Structure formats: C-alpha cells, structure tokens
Amino acid sequence: MQVKINGKPEEVQGTTVLDLLKAKNIDPQMVAVELNSTMLERDRLATTLVKEGDQLEFLFYMGGGR
C-alpha cells in the first residue's frame, strides 16, 4: 500500500507502526511518530495499524549544542 513517510511516498506492507519502524531499523525509543497530524503515544505503536494513504512523520531526537 502507498503511504507518505516524512513527505516521501513509499510502498509498505500492511502493518503496525511498530513493525514499520522495525523494518526501517529505527529504534522506537529514539523517535516520535506523528500519524496523520496526530502524535502517537509510544504504547500505541504496536497496536496502531498503518492504512493506505496515511501520512507518517518520524521525528528523531538529536543531541548536541553547546
């Protein structure tokens, strides 16, 4: 099915958000996920299904600064 991840169209298998993160080798503890403009709680990643046309944003935590 077709979804958008960080603004780019991608073809993915029917899955949960957590499965999608694992398939992309993204540690769920190091990313915040927005699905269709709604932030997902971490405890919902394993139960939230990704559907055709969904828009996901993966927001990564970064260290640094002075």
N, C-alpha and C. Protein backbone atom coordinates (compact mmCIF):
# COMPACT_ATOMS: atom_id res chain seq x y z
N MET A 1 0.84 -1.17 0.00
CA MET A 1 0.00 0.00 0.00
C MET A 1 0.88 1.24 0.00
N GLN A 2 0.32 2.34 -0.45
CA GLN A 2 1.07 3.60 -0.57
C GLN A 2 0.81 4.48 0.65
N VAL A 3 1.88 4.95 1.28
CA VAL A 3 1.81 5.91 2.38
C VAL A 3 2.88 6.96 2.14
N LYS A 4 2.84 8.02 2.93
CA LYS A 4 3.91 9.03 2.88
C LYS A 4 4.64 8.98 4.21
N ILE A 5 5.97 8.91 4.13
CA ILE A 5 6.81 8.94 5.32
C ILE A 5 7.75 10.12 5.19
N ASN A 6 7.63 11.05 6.12
CA ASN A 6 8.41 12.30 6.09
C ASN A 6 8.29 12.98 4.74
N GLY A 7 7.05 12.99 4.20
CA GLY A 7 6.76 13.70 2.95
C GLY A 7 7.06 12.95 1.67
N LYS A 8 7.64 11.74 1.77
CA LYS A 8 8.00 10.99 0.57
C LYS A 8 7.11 9.76 0.43
N PRO A 9 6.54 9.55 -0.77
CA PRO A 9 5.71 8.36 -0.99
C PRO A 9 6.54 7.08 -0.85
N GLU A 10 5.98 6.10 -0.16
CA GLU A 10 6.64 4.80 -0.02
C GLU A 10 5.61 3.70 -0.12
N GLU A 11 6.04 2.58 -0.62
CA GLU A 11 5.22 1.38 -0.69
C GLU A 11 5.57 0.51 0.52
N VAL A 12 4.58 0.19 1.35
CA VAL A 12 4.81 -0.63 2.54
C VAL A 12 3.78 -1.75 2.59
N GLN A 13 4.09 -2.77 3.37
CA GLN A 13 3.15 -3.86 3.61
C GLN A 13 2.18 -3.44 4.70
N GLY A 14 0.98 -4.02 4.70
CA GLY A 14 0.01 -3.77 5.77
C GLY A 14 0.63 -4.17 7.10
N THR A 15 0.70 -3.25 8.03
CA THR A 15 1.47 -3.49 9.24
C THR A 15 1.09 -2.49 10.33
N THR A 16 1.70 -2.65 11.48
CA THR A 16 1.54 -1.66 12.55
C THR A 16 2.67 -0.63 12.43
N VAL A 17 2.53 0.46 13.13
CA VAL A 17 3.57 1.48 13.13
C VAL A 17 4.87 0.89 13.69
N LEU A 18 4.79 0.10 14.76
CA LEU A 18 5.99 -0.50 15.34
C LEU A 18 6.68 -1.43 14.34
N ASP A 19 5.92 -2.24 13.61
CA ASP A 19 6.51 -3.12 12.61
C ASP A 19 7.21 -2.32 11.51
N LEU A 20 6.62 -1.20 11.13
CA LEU A 20 7.22 -0.34 10.11
C LEU A 20 8.54 0.24 10.62
N LEU A 21 8.56 0.69 11.88
CA LEU A 21 9.81 1.20 12.45
C LEU A 21 10.89 0.12 12.46
N LYS A 22 10.52 -1.09 12.87
CA LYS A 22 11.49 -2.20 12.90
C LYS A 22 12.01 -2.51 11.50
N ALA A 23 11.13 -2.51 10.51
CA ALA A 23 11.53 -2.80 9.13
C ALA A 23 12.52 -1.76 8.61
N LYS A 24 12.43 -0.54 9.13
CA LYS A 24 13.34 0.53 8.72
C LYS A 24 14.54 0.66 9.67
N ASN A 25 14.68 -0.29 10.60
CA ASN A 25 15.79 -0.28 11.58
C ASN A 25 15.81 1.00 12.40
N ILE A 26 14.63 1.44 12.83
CA ILE A 26 14.52 2.64 13.67
C ILE A 26 14.13 2.19 15.07
N ASP A 27 14.93 2.59 16.05
CA ASP A 27 14.66 2.29 17.45
C ASP A 27 13.46 3.12 17.91
N PRO A 28 12.36 2.48 18.33
CA PRO A 28 11.17 3.24 18.74
C PRO A 28 11.41 4.17 19.92
N GLN A 29 12.46 3.94 20.69
CA GLN A 29 12.77 4.82 21.81
C GLN A 29 13.48 6.10 21.36
N MET A 30 13.93 6.13 20.11
CA MET A 30 14.70 7.28 19.62
C MET A 30 13.92 8.14 18.63
N VAL A 31 12.61 7.90 18.53
CA VAL A 31 11.82 8.63 17.54
C VAL A 31 10.43 8.92 18.11
N ALA A 32 9.89 10.07 17.74
CA ALA A 32 8.49 10.37 18.00
C ALA A 32 7.76 10.17 16.67
N VAL A 33 6.54 9.66 16.73
CA VAL A 33 5.80 9.36 15.49
C VAL A 33 4.52 10.17 15.46
N GLU A 34 4.33 10.84 14.32
CA GLU A 34 3.10 11.57 14.06
C GLU A 34 2.39 10.84 12.93
N LEU A 35 1.13 10.49 13.15
CA LEU A 35 0.32 9.80 12.14
C LEU A 35 -0.85 10.69 11.79
N ASN A 36 -0.90 11.11 10.53
CA ASN A 36 -1.98 11.98 10.05
C ASN A 36 -2.17 13.18 10.98
N SER A 37 -1.07 13.86 11.30
CA SER A 37 -1.04 15.08 12.11
C SER A 37 -1.36 14.88 13.59
N THR A 38 -1.36 13.63 14.06
CA THR A 38 -1.60 13.33 15.47
C THR A 38 -0.41 12.58 16.04
N MET A 39 0.14 13.10 17.14
CA MET A 39 1.26 12.42 17.79
C MET A 39 0.76 11.12 18.42
N LEU A 40 1.52 10.04 18.23
CA LEU A 40 1.16 8.75 18.82
C LEU A 40 1.93 8.55 20.12
N GLU A 41 1.24 8.05 21.11
CA GLU A 41 1.90 7.65 22.35
C GLU A 41 2.71 6.39 22.05
N ARG A 42 3.85 6.26 22.68
CA ARG A 42 4.74 5.12 22.44
C ARG A 42 4.03 3.77 22.69
N ASP A 43 3.14 3.74 23.68
CA ASP A 43 2.46 2.48 23.98
C ASP A 43 1.40 2.10 22.95
N ARG A 44 1.15 2.96 21.97
CA ARG A 44 0.19 2.65 20.91
C ARG A 44 0.85 2.24 19.60
N LEU A 45 2.19 2.30 19.53
CA LEU A 45 2.88 1.98 18.28
C LEU A 45 2.60 0.54 17.81
N ALA A 46 2.53 -0.39 18.75
CA ALA A 46 2.34 -1.81 18.40
C ALA A 46 0.91 -2.14 18.01
N THR A 47 -0.03 -1.27 18.34
CA THR A 47 -1.44 -1.58 18.05
C THR A 47 -2.06 -0.68 16.99
N THR A 48 -1.33 0.34 16.56
CA THR A 48 -1.86 1.26 15.55
C THR A 48 -1.52 0.75 14.16
N LEU A 49 -2.55 0.46 13.37
CA LEU A 49 -2.35 -0.05 12.02
C LEU A 49 -2.08 1.09 11.05
N VAL A 50 -1.19 0.83 10.09
CA VAL A 50 -0.92 1.76 9.01
C VAL A 50 -1.86 1.41 7.87
N LYS A 51 -2.55 2.44 7.35
CA LYS A 51 -3.54 2.23 6.29
C LYS A 51 -3.15 2.99 5.02
N GLU A 52 -3.71 2.56 3.91
CA GLU A 52 -3.50 3.20 2.61
C GLU A 52 -3.72 4.71 2.75
N GLY A 53 -2.75 5.49 2.25
CA GLY A 53 -2.86 6.93 2.23
C GLY A 53 -2.45 7.64 3.51
N ASP A 54 -2.06 6.88 4.54
CA ASP A 54 -1.62 7.51 5.79
C ASP A 54 -0.37 8.35 5.56
N GLN A 55 -0.22 9.38 6.39
CA GLN A 55 0.97 10.22 6.36
C GLN A 55 1.65 10.11 7.72
N LEU A 56 2.90 9.66 7.69
CA LEU A 56 3.67 9.49 8.92
C LEU A 56 4.85 10.44 8.92
N GLU A 57 5.15 10.97 10.08
CA GLU A 57 6.36 11.76 10.28
C GLU A 57 7.14 11.10 11.40
N PHE A 58 8.41 10.81 11.14
CA PHE A 58 9.30 10.26 12.15
C PHE A 58 10.20 11.41 12.60
N LEU A 59 10.08 11.78 13.86
CA LEU A 59 10.83 12.91 14.41
C LEU A 59 11.90 12.35 15.33
N PHE A 60 13.16 12.53 14.93
CA PHE A 60 14.28 11.92 15.65
C PHE A 60 14.83 12.85 16.70
N TYR A 61 15.19 12.27 17.84
CA TYR A 61 15.83 13.03 18.91
C TYR A 61 17.31 13.16 18.56
N MET A 62 17.83 14.37 18.71
CA MET A 62 19.23 14.61 18.40
C MET A 62 19.89 15.32 19.57
N GLY A 63 21.08 14.89 19.89
CA GLY A 63 21.85 15.55 20.92
C GLY A 63 22.73 16.61 20.30
N GLY A 64 23.35 17.36 21.13
CA GLY A 64 24.29 18.35 20.61
C GLY A 64 24.10 19.69 21.28
N GLY A 65 24.61 20.69 20.65
CA GLY A 65 24.55 22.02 21.22
C GLY A 65 25.83 22.36 21.94
N ARG A 66 25.76 23.44 22.65
CA ARG A 66 26.97 23.87 23.36
C ARG A 66 26.81 23.72 24.83
